[in-house]
Amino acid sequence: MAGVYQINAGIRWDPFSVNTNFVIINVVAGGIAVQDDRYGRAGENPNTTVSFARKLNVGDQVRVEVYQGSGVNQSISAGYNANHFSVQYLHN
């Protein structure tokens, strides 16, 4: 159904073994991106979140992407309640 939607997403990373120049969560909704990025130090587990309202039309897609730039494999933590994704219809 077309209308305005509240879109929320967040990721918490496992502690990094090395410094990273970025961790990013990017949410694309209706072709428009909203992004949050952070710097991560070794031993830290950074959290990235986005929350916004967007008008979506029938057939529009919502995509969540996460990236990190440490140069080593890095996991997204499964044990934290900071990992979330939700979409709520607000109005026409």
Protein backbone atom coordinates (compact mmCIF):
# COMPACT_ATOMS: atom_id res chain seq x y z
CA MET A 1 0.00 0.00 0.00
CA ALA A 2 1.40 3.42 -0.92
CA GLY A 3 1.97 5.83 1.95
CA VAL A 4 4.47 7.22 4.42
CA TYR A 5 6.41 4.61 6.38
CA GLN A 6 8.72 4.78 9.38
CA ILE A 7 11.85 2.70 8.67
CA ASN A 8 14.31 1.73 11.42
CA ALA A 9 17.44 -0.41 11.18
CA GLY A 10 20.46 -1.00 13.36
CA ILE A 11 23.51 -3.24 13.49
CA ARG A 12 26.02 -3.94 16.24
CA TRP A 13 29.31 -5.50 15.23
CA ASP A 14 31.36 -8.03 17.17
CA PRO A 15 34.50 -6.49 18.70
CA PHE A 16 37.04 -5.65 16.01
CA SER A 17 40.49 -7.27 16.15
CA VAL A 18 42.02 -4.33 14.24
CA ASN A 19 41.14 -0.67 13.68
CA THR A 20 38.67 0.00 10.88
CA ASN A 21 38.27 3.22 8.95
CA PHE A 22 34.49 2.70 8.70
CA VAL A 23 31.42 0.68 9.56
CA ILE A 24 28.33 1.65 7.62
CA ILE A 25 24.64 0.84 7.59
CA ASN A 26 22.93 2.00 4.42
CA VAL A 27 19.15 1.74 3.97
CA VAL A 28 17.76 2.31 0.48
CA ALA A 29 14.01 2.98 0.41
CA GLY A 30 12.21 3.96 -2.75
CA GLY A 31 15.56 4.58 -4.46
CA ILE A 32 16.82 7.05 -1.81
CA ALA A 33 19.64 6.09 0.58
CA VAL A 34 20.01 7.02 4.25
CA GLN A 35 23.34 6.16 5.85
CA ASP A 36 25.09 6.13 9.22
CA ASP A 37 28.83 5.55 9.47
CA ARG A 38 31.33 5.30 12.29
CA TYR A 39 35.01 4.74 12.92
CA GLY A 40 35.85 1.53 14.79
CA ARG A 41 38.87 0.86 17.01
CA ALA A 42 40.30 -2.55 17.86
CA GLY A 43 38.39 -4.06 20.79
CA GLU A 44 35.28 -1.94 20.20
CA ASN A 45 31.99 -3.18 18.79
CA PRO A 46 30.45 -0.14 17.08
CA ASN A 47 26.73 0.31 16.60
CA THR A 48 25.22 1.97 13.50
CA THR A 49 21.54 2.93 13.22
CA VAL A 50 19.17 4.78 10.90
CA SER A 51 15.61 5.90 11.52
CA PHE A 52 13.54 7.94 9.07
CA ALA A 53 10.13 8.39 7.45
CA ARG A 54 9.76 8.00 3.69
CA LYS A 55 6.90 8.05 1.21
CA LEU A 56 6.83 4.74 -0.61
CA ASN A 57 4.80 3.76 -3.66
CA VAL A 58 3.42 0.34 -4.54
CA GLY A 59 6.35 -1.75 -5.79
CA ASP A 60 9.06 0.30 -4.03
CA GLN A 61 11.70 -1.79 -2.29
CA VAL A 62 13.54 -1.34 1.00
CA ARG A 63 17.09 -2.71 1.18
CA VAL A 64 19.50 -2.76 4.14
CA GLU A 65 23.24 -2.97 3.45
CA VAL A 66 26.11 -3.09 5.95
CA TYR A 67 29.81 -2.64 5.24
CA GLN A 68 33.04 -2.46 7.19
CA GLY A 69 36.52 -1.42 6.08
CA SER A 70 38.94 -3.19 8.43
CA GLY A 71 40.39 -5.43 5.72
CA VAL A 72 39.67 -8.58 7.75
CA ASN A 73 36.56 -10.74 8.09
CA GLN A 74 34.18 -9.27 10.66
CA SER A 75 30.94 -10.62 12.08
CA ILE A 76 27.73 -8.88 12.97
CA SER A 77 26.93 -9.84 16.52
CA ALA A 78 23.94 -12.14 16.94
CA GLY A 79 23.77 -11.66 20.70
CA TYR A 80 22.84 -7.99 20.91
CA ASN A 81 19.38 -6.45 20.85
CA ALA A 82 20.87 -3.56 18.87
CA ASN A 83 20.36 -5.60 15.67
CA HIS A 84 16.94 -4.65 14.39
CA PHE A 85 14.83 -3.82 11.35
CA SER A 86 11.27 -2.55 11.36
CA VAL A 87 8.84 -0.80 9.03
CA GLN A 88 5.61 0.84 10.21
CA TYR A 89 2.88 2.38 8.08
CA LEU A 90 2.19 5.96 9.26
CA HIS A 91 -0.34 7.49 6.83
CA ASN A 92 -1.19 8.18 3.16
